[in-house]
Amino acid sequence: LQPGAEREKLTTDAFEFKYFLEGTCEYAIGEETVTLGAGDLLFFDGRIPHVPQNPTDRDVRMLVLYLYDEFQST
């Protein structure tokens, strides 16, 4: 996530797991916002509107896993 990055909230059809590798991120989920940094974990229902924001001047790196409750084939 680049410095200054922001966008509108979105939803996914998955539970989302985020592991923050470096930097500091503000993550809005529904009406709440949490500040996360390196080593922090976040797990939530992606059907709740959410968005990461980077108000800092450093990159944020995170590992993101999407966990679906059904197998989806392509």
PDB file of N, CA and C in Angstrom:
ATOM      1  N   LEU A   1       0.862  -1.155   0.000  1.00  0.00           N
ATOM      2  CA  LEU A   1       0.000   0.000   0.000  1.00  0.00           C
ATOM      3  C   LEU A   1       0.910   1.219   0.000  1.00  0.00           C
ATOM      4  N   GLN A   2       0.808   2.019  -1.005  1.00  0.00           N
ATOM      5  CA  GLN A   2       1.706   3.164  -1.155  1.00  0.00           C
ATOM      6  C   GLN A   2       1.338   4.292  -0.196  1.00  0.00           C
ATOM      7  N   PRO A   3       2.307   5.155   0.110  1.00  0.00           N
ATOM      8  CA  PRO A   3       2.027   6.300   0.972  1.00  0.00           C
ATOM      9  C   PRO A   3       0.862   7.137   0.424  1.00  0.00           C
ATOM     10  N   GLY A   4      -0.011   7.556   1.326  1.00  0.00           N
ATOM     11  CA  GLY A   4      -1.142   8.384   0.940  1.00  0.00           C
ATOM     12  C   GLY A   4      -2.290   7.633   0.299  1.00  0.00           C
ATOM     13  N   ALA A   5      -2.172   6.299   0.170  1.00  0.00           N
ATOM     14  CA  ALA A   5      -3.206   5.510  -0.509  1.00  0.00           C
ATOM     15  C   ALA A   5      -4.523   5.554   0.253  1.00  0.00           C
ATOM     16  N   GLU A   6      -5.604   5.771  -0.495  1.00  0.00           N
ATOM     17  CA  GLU A   6      -6.954   5.681   0.051  1.00  0.00           C
ATOM     18  C   GLU A   6      -7.930   5.496  -1.096  1.00  0.00           C
ATOM     19  N   ARG A   7      -9.108   4.938  -0.784  1.00  0.00           N
ATOM     20  CA  ARG A   7     -10.161   4.729  -1.778  1.00  0.00           C
ATOM     21  C   ARG A   7     -11.470   4.529  -1.030  1.00  0.00           C
ATOM     22  N   GLU A   8     -12.539   4.292  -1.762  1.00  0.00           N
ATOM     23  CA  GLU A   8     -13.835   4.034  -1.147  1.00  0.00           C
ATOM     24  C   GLU A   8     -13.854   2.624  -0.539  1.00  0.00           C
ATOM     25  N   LYS A   9     -14.710   2.414   0.470  1.00  0.00           N
ATOM     26  CA  LYS A   9     -14.866   1.089   1.057  1.00  0.00           C
ATOM     27  C   LYS A   9     -15.426   0.121   0.013  1.00  0.00           C
ATOM     28  N   LEU A  10     -15.080  -1.156   0.165  1.00  0.00           N
ATOM     29  CA  LEU A  10     -15.576  -2.200  -0.714  1.00  0.00           C
ATOM     30  C   LEU A  10     -15.943  -3.418   0.106  1.00  0.00           C
ATOM     31  N   THR A  11     -16.534  -4.422  -0.531  1.00  0.00           N
ATOM     32  CA  THR A  11     -16.855  -5.680   0.128  1.00  0.00           C
ATOM     33  C   THR A  11     -16.338  -6.839  -0.713  1.00  0.00           C
ATOM     34  N   THR A  12     -16.146  -7.988  -0.075  1.00  0.00           N
ATOM     35  CA  THR A  12     -15.806  -9.233  -0.767  1.00  0.00           C
ATOM     36  C   THR A  12     -16.714 -10.327  -0.214  1.00  0.00           C
ATOM     37  N   ASP A  13     -16.765 -11.450  -0.893  1.00  0.00           N
ATOM     38  CA  ASP A  13     -17.563 -12.588  -0.440  1.00  0.00           C
ATOM     39  C   ASP A  13     -16.709 -13.586   0.330  1.00  0.00           C
ATOM     40  N   ALA A  14     -15.753 -13.094   1.091  1.00  0.00           N
ATOM     41  CA  ALA A  14     -14.834 -13.968   1.813  1.00  0.00           C
ATOM     42  C   ALA A  14     -14.546 -13.403   3.198  1.00  0.00           C
ATOM     43  N   PHE A  15     -14.068 -14.277   4.073  1.00  0.00           N
ATOM     44  CA  PHE A  15     -13.447 -13.793   5.296  1.00  0.00           C
ATOM     45  C   PHE A  15     -12.038 -13.397   4.900  1.00  0.00           C
ATOM     46  N   GLU A  16     -11.529 -12.326   5.493  1.00  0.00           N
ATOM     47  CA  GLU A  16     -10.209 -11.835   5.109  1.00  0.00           C
ATOM     48  C   GLU A  16      -9.259 -11.900   6.290  1.00  0.00           C
ATOM     49  N   PHE A  17      -8.060 -12.388   6.017  1.00  0.00           N
ATOM     50  CA  PHE A  17      -6.992 -12.471   7.005  1.00  0.00           C
ATOM     51  C   PHE A  17      -5.848 -11.608   6.495  1.00  0.00           C
ATOM     52  N   LYS A  18      -5.384 -10.669   7.298  1.00  0.00           N
ATOM     53  CA  LYS A  18      -4.271  -9.786   6.915  1.00  0.00           C
ATOM     54  C   LYS A  18      -3.167  -9.897   7.959  1.00  0.00           C
ATOM     55  N   TYR A  19      -1.944 -10.069   7.492  1.00  0.00           N
ATOM     56  CA  TYR A  19      -0.773 -10.066   8.366  1.00  0.00           C
ATOM     57  C   TYR A  19       0.111  -8.921   7.890  1.00  0.00           C
ATOM     58  N   PHE A  20       0.368  -7.976   8.769  1.00  0.00           N
ATOM     59  CA  PHE A  20       1.104  -6.767   8.397  1.00  0.00           C
ATOM     60  C   PHE A  20       2.601  -6.987   8.566  1.00  0.00           C
ATOM     61  N   LEU A  21       3.319  -6.817   7.465  1.00  0.00           N
ATOM     62  CA  LEU A  21       4.754  -7.082   7.418  1.00  0.00           C
ATOM     63  C   LEU A  21       5.594  -5.853   7.733  1.00  0.00           C
ATOM     64  N   GLU A  22       5.164  -4.687   7.243  1.00  0.00           N
ATOM     65  CA  GLU A  22       5.910  -3.455   7.527  1.00  0.00           C
ATOM     66  C   GLU A  22       5.021  -2.237   7.317  1.00  0.00           C
ATOM     67  N   GLY A  23       5.383  -1.156   7.976  1.00  0.00           N
ATOM     68  CA  GLY A  23       4.633   0.083   7.857  1.00  0.00           C
ATOM     69  C   GLY A  23       3.470   0.150   8.834  1.00  0.00           C
ATOM     70  N   THR A  24       2.731   1.256   8.774  1.00  0.00           N
ATOM     71  CA  THR A  24       1.568   1.485   9.627  1.00  0.00           C
ATOM     72  C   THR A  24       0.374   1.797   8.742  1.00  0.00           C
ATOM     73  N   CYS A  25      -0.742   1.150   9.054  1.00  0.00           N
ATOM     74  CA  CYS A  25      -1.928   1.229   8.220  1.00  0.00           C
ATOM     75  C   CYS A  25      -3.142   1.534   9.085  1.00  0.00           C
ATOM     76  N   GLU A  26      -4.050   2.339   8.573  1.00  0.00           N
ATOM     77  CA  GLU A  26      -5.348   2.521   9.206  1.00  0.00           C
ATOM     78  C   GLU A  26      -6.336   1.684   8.405  1.00  0.00           C
ATOM     79  N   TYR A  27      -7.077   0.812   9.096  1.00  0.00           N
ATOM     80  CA  TYR A  27      -8.002  -0.076   8.416  1.00  0.00           C
ATOM     81  C   TYR A  27      -9.403   0.208   8.921  1.00  0.00           C
ATOM     82  N   ALA A  28     -10.263   0.666   8.019  1.00  0.00           N
ATOM     83  CA  ALA A  28     -11.653   0.951   8.368  1.00  0.00           C
ATOM     84  C   ALA A  28     -12.505  -0.259   8.017  1.00  0.00           C
ATOM     85  N   ILE A  29     -13.265  -0.745   9.005  1.00  0.00           N
ATOM     86  CA  ILE A  29     -14.188  -1.867   8.812  1.00  0.00           C
ATOM     87  C   ILE A  29     -15.512  -1.427   9.411  1.00  0.00           C
ATOM     88  N   GLY A  30     -16.525  -1.294   8.560  1.00  0.00           N
ATOM     89  CA  GLY A  30     -17.793  -0.761   9.035  1.00  0.00           C
ATOM     90  C   GLY A  30     -17.593   0.661   9.534  1.00  0.00           C
ATOM     91  N   GLU A  31     -18.004   0.930  10.759  1.00  0.00           N
ATOM     92  CA  GLU A  31     -17.871   2.270  11.347  1.00  0.00           C
ATOM     93  C   GLU A  31     -16.625   2.412  12.213  1.00  0.00           C
ATOM     94  N   GLU A  32     -15.821   1.353  12.335  1.00  0.00           N
ATOM     95  CA  GLU A  32     -14.633   1.378  13.187  1.00  0.00           C
ATOM     96  C   GLU A  32     -13.367   1.494  12.347  1.00  0.00           C
ATOM     97  N   THR A  33     -12.351   2.122  12.929  1.00  0.00           N
ATOM     98  CA  THR A  33     -11.035   2.205  12.299  1.00  0.00           C
ATOM     99  C   THR A  33      -9.991   1.765  13.312  1.00  0.00           C
ATOM    100  N   VAL A  34      -9.086   0.881  12.876  1.00  0.00           N
ATOM    101  CA  VAL A  34      -7.993   0.415  13.733  1.00  0.00           C
ATOM    102  C   VAL A  34      -6.669   0.765  13.073  1.00  0.00           C
ATOM    103  N   THR A  35      -5.670   1.012  13.889  1.00  0.00           N
ATOM    104  CA  THR A  35      -4.321   1.278  13.394  1.00  0.00           C
ATOM    105  C   THR A  35      -3.498   0.023  13.611  1.00  0.00           C
ATOM    106  N   LEU A  36      -2.833  -0.427  12.543  1.00  0.00           N
ATOM    107  CA  LEU A  36      -2.079  -1.674  12.572  1.00  0.00           C
ATOM    108  C   LEU A  36      -0.664  -1.449  12.071  1.00  0.00           C
ATOM    109  N   GLY A  37       0.263  -2.212  12.635  1.00  0.00           N
ATOM    110  CA  GLY A  37       1.659  -2.110  12.217  1.00  0.00           C
ATOM    111  C   GLY A  37       2.270  -3.482  12.051  1.00  0.00           C
ATOM    112  N   ALA A  38       3.547  -3.520  11.764  1.00  0.00           N
ATOM    113  CA  ALA A  38       4.276  -4.766  11.519  1.00  0.00           C
ATOM    114  C   ALA A  38       4.036  -5.756  12.654  1.00  0.00           C
ATOM    115  N   GLY A  39       3.677  -6.984  12.274  1.00  0.00           N
ATOM    116  CA  GLY A  39       3.425  -8.046  13.238  1.00  0.00           C
ATOM    117  C   GLY A  39       1.969  -8.167  13.661  1.00  0.00           C
ATOM    118  N   ASP A  40       1.144  -7.199  13.314  1.00  0.00           N
ATOM    119  CA  ASP A  40      -0.271  -7.258  13.677  1.00  0.00           C
ATOM    120  C   ASP A  40      -1.046  -8.141  12.708  1.00  0.00           C
ATOM    121  N   LEU A  41      -2.145  -8.713  13.213  1.00  0.00           N
ATOM    122  CA  LEU A  41      -3.034  -9.558  12.428  1.00  0.00           C
ATOM    123  C   LEU A  41      -4.431  -8.958  12.432  1.00  0.00           C
ATOM    124  N   LEU A  42      -5.160  -9.177  11.355  1.00  0.00           N
ATOM    125  CA  LEU A  42      -6.535  -8.713  11.259  1.00  0.00           C
ATOM    126  C   LEU A  42      -7.347  -9.805  10.564  1.00  0.00           C
ATOM    127  N   PHE A  43      -8.501 -10.171  11.150  1.00  0.00           N
ATOM    128  CA  PHE A  43      -9.385 -11.169  10.566  1.00  0.00           C
ATOM    129  C   PHE A  43     -10.798 -10.624  10.669  1.00  0.00           C
ATOM    130  N   PHE A  44     -11.521 -10.592   9.540  1.00  0.00           N
ATOM    131  CA  PHE A  44     -12.865 -10.031   9.549  1.00  0.00           C
ATOM    132  C   PHE A  44     -13.688 -10.581   8.387  1.00  0.00           C
ATOM    133  N   ASP A  45     -14.987 -10.355   8.477  1.00  0.00           N
ATOM    134  CA  ASP A  45     -15.938 -10.749   7.442  1.00  0.00           C
ATOM    135  C   ASP A  45     -15.902  -9.703   6.330  1.00  0.00           C
ATOM    136  N   GLY A  46     -15.445 -10.083   5.158  1.00  0.00           N
ATOM    137  CA  GLY A  46     -15.291  -9.154   4.039  1.00  0.00           C
ATOM    138  C   GLY A  46     -16.595  -8.587   3.508  1.00  0.00           C
ATOM    139  N   ARG A  47     -17.732  -9.128   3.959  1.00  0.00           N
ATOM    140  CA  ARG A  47     -19.021  -8.575   3.539  1.00  0.00           C
ATOM    141  C   ARG A  47     -19.321  -7.250   4.239  1.00  0.00           C
ATOM    142  N   ILE A  48     -18.550  -6.943   5.266  1.00  0.00           N
ATOM    143  CA  ILE A  48     -18.650  -5.637   5.925  1.00  0.00           C
ATOM    144  C   ILE A  48     -17.809  -4.657   5.102  1.00  0.00           C
ATOM    145  N   PRO A  49     -18.352  -3.508   4.715  1.00  0.00           N
ATOM    146  CA  PRO A  49     -17.567  -2.547   3.929  1.00  0.00           C
ATOM    147  C   PRO A  49     -16.256  -2.198   4.652  1.00  0.00           C
ATOM    148  N   HIS A  50     -15.154  -2.228   3.901  1.00  0.00           N
ATOM    149  CA  HIS A  50     -13.832  -2.024   4.510  1.00  0.00           C
ATOM    150  C   HIS A  50     -12.865  -1.391   3.514  1.00  0.00           C
ATOM    151  N   VAL A  51     -11.823  -0.810   4.071  1.00  0.00           N
ATOM    152  CA  VAL A  51     -10.778  -0.219   3.232  1.00  0.00           C
ATOM    153  C   VAL A  51      -9.522   0.037   4.068  1.00  0.00           C
ATOM    154  N   PRO A  52      -8.337  -0.273   3.511  1.00  0.00           N
ATOM    155  CA  PRO A  52      -7.090   0.133   4.150  1.00  0.00           C
ATOM    156  C   PRO A  52      -6.705   1.525   3.668  1.00  0.00           C
ATOM    157  N   GLN A  53      -6.078   2.278   4.549  1.00  0.00           N
ATOM    158  CA  GLN A  53      -5.573   3.597   4.175  1.00  0.00           C
ATOM    159  C   GLN A  53      -4.162   3.737   4.731  1.00  0.00           C
ATOM    160  N   ASN A  54      -3.336   4.423   3.985  1.00  0.00           N
ATOM    161  CA  ASN A  54      -1.963   4.652   4.424  1.00  0.00           C
ATOM    162  C   ASN A  54      -1.718   6.154   4.523  1.00  0.00           C
ATOM    163  N   PRO A  55      -1.902   6.733   5.714  1.00  0.00           N
ATOM    164  CA  PRO A  55      -1.702   8.166   5.864  1.00  0.00           C
ATOM    165  C   PRO A  55      -0.240   8.554   6.084  1.00  0.00           C
ATOM    166  N   THR A  56       0.668   7.583   6.018  1.00  0.00           N
ATOM    167  CA  THR A  56       2.082   7.847   6.301  1.00  0.00           C
ATOM    168  C   THR A  56       2.872   8.080   5.014  1.00  0.00           C
ATOM    169  N   ASP A  57       4.173   8.314   5.174  1.00  0.00           N
ATOM    170  CA  ASP A  57       5.046   8.505   4.014  1.00  0.00           C
ATOM    171  C   ASP A  57       5.887   7.258   3.735  1.00  0.00           C
ATOM    172  N   ARG A  58       5.476   6.106   4.312  1.00  0.00           N
ATOM    173  CA  ARG A  58       6.178   4.834   4.099  1.00  0.00           C
ATOM    174  C   ARG A  58       5.226   3.811   3.495  1.00  0.00           C
ATOM    175  N   ASP A  59       5.769   2.895   2.704  1.00  0.00           N
ATOM    176  CA  ASP A  59       4.969   1.801   2.167  1.00  0.00           C
ATOM    177  C   ASP A  59       4.467   0.899   3.291  1.00  0.00           C
ATOM    178  N   VAL A  60       3.313   0.279   3.064  1.00  0.00           N
ATOM    179  CA  VAL A  60       2.777  -0.751   3.944  1.00  0.00           C
ATOM    180  C   VAL A  60       2.769  -2.049   3.150  1.00  0.00           C
ATOM    181  N   ARG A  61       3.319  -3.102   3.752  1.00  0.00           N
ATOM    182  CA  ARG A  61       3.283  -4.418   3.108  1.00  0.00           C
ATOM    183  C   ARG A  61       2.492  -5.355   4.002  1.00  0.00           C
ATOM    184  N   MET A  62       1.612  -6.132   3.381  1.00  0.00           N
ATOM    185  CA  MET A  62       0.823  -7.097   4.139  1.00  0.00           C
ATOM    186  C   MET A  62       0.594  -8.350   3.315  1.00  0.00           C
ATOM    187  N   LEU A  63       0.450  -9.457   4.016  1.00  0.00           N
ATOM    188  CA  LEU A  63       0.061 -10.720   3.410  1.00  0.00           C
ATOM    189  C   LEU A  63      -1.446 -10.806   3.550  1.00  0.00           C
ATOM    190  N   VAL A  64      -2.149 -11.099   2.448  1.00  0.00           N
ATOM    191  CA  VAL A  64      -3.612 -11.122   2.450  1.00  0.00           C
ATOM    192  C   VAL A  64      -4.100 -12.502   2.005  1.00  0.00           C
ATOM    193  N   LEU A  65      -4.985 -13.099   2.820  1.00  0.00           N
ATOM    194  CA  LEU A  65      -5.624 -14.362   2.462  1.00  0.00           C
ATOM    195  C   LEU A  65      -7.131 -14.148   2.431  1.00  0.00           C
ATOM    196  N   TYR A  66      -7.778 -14.660   1.388  1.00  0.00           N
ATOM    197  CA  TYR A  66      -9.229 -14.620   1.267  1.00  0.00           C
ATOM    198  C   TYR A  66      -9.740 -16.036   1.513  1.00  0.00           C
ATOM    199  N   LEU A  67     -10.608 -16.193   2.486  1.00  0.00           N
ATOM    200  CA  LEU A  67     -11.113 -17.500   2.878  1.00  0.00           C
ATOM    201  C   LEU A  67     -12.599 -17.583   2.533  1.00  0.00           C
ATOM    202  N   TYR A  68     -12.909 -18.362   1.511  1.00  0.00           N
ATOM    203  CA  TYR A  68     -14.286 -18.526   1.055  1.00  0.00           C
ATOM    204  C   TYR A  68     -14.910 -19.731   1.755  1.00  0.00           C
ATOM    205  N   ASP A  69     -16.218 -19.673   1.994  1.00  0.00           N
ATOM    206  CA  ASP A  69     -16.876 -20.797   2.646  1.00  0.00           C
ATOM    207  C   ASP A  69     -17.308 -21.883   1.666  1.00  0.00           C
ATOM    208  N   GLU A  70     -17.102 -21.648   0.384  1.00  0.00           N
ATOM    209  CA  GLU A  70     -17.372 -22.662  -0.645  1.00  0.00           C
ATOM    210  C   GLU A  70     -16.222 -22.672  -1.641  1.00  0.00           C
ATOM    211  N   PHE A  71     -15.947 -23.823  -2.193  1.00  0.00           N
ATOM    212  CA  PHE A  71     -14.941 -23.921  -3.232  1.00  0.00           C
ATOM    213  C   PHE A  71     -15.474 -23.279  -4.495  1.00  0.00           C
ATOM    214  N   GLN A  72     -14.693 -22.396  -5.077  1.00  0.00           N
ATOM    215  CA  GLN A  72     -15.106 -21.738  -6.321  1.00  0.00           C
ATOM    216  C   GLN A  72     -14.151 -22.164  -7.429  1.00  0.00           C
ATOM    217  N   SER A  73     -14.674 -22.831  -8.444  1.00  0.00           N
ATOM    218  CA  SER A  73     -13.826 -23.243  -9.546  1.00  0.00           C
ATOM    219  C   SER A  73     -13.934 -22.241 -10.675  1.00  0.00           C
ATOM    220  N   THR A  74     -12.893 -22.169 -11.491  1.00  0.00           N
ATOM    221  CA  THR A  74     -12.887 -21.234 -12.617  1.00  0.00           C
ATOM    222  C   THR A  74     -13.113 -21.931 -13.918  1.00  0.00           C
TER     223      THR A  74
END
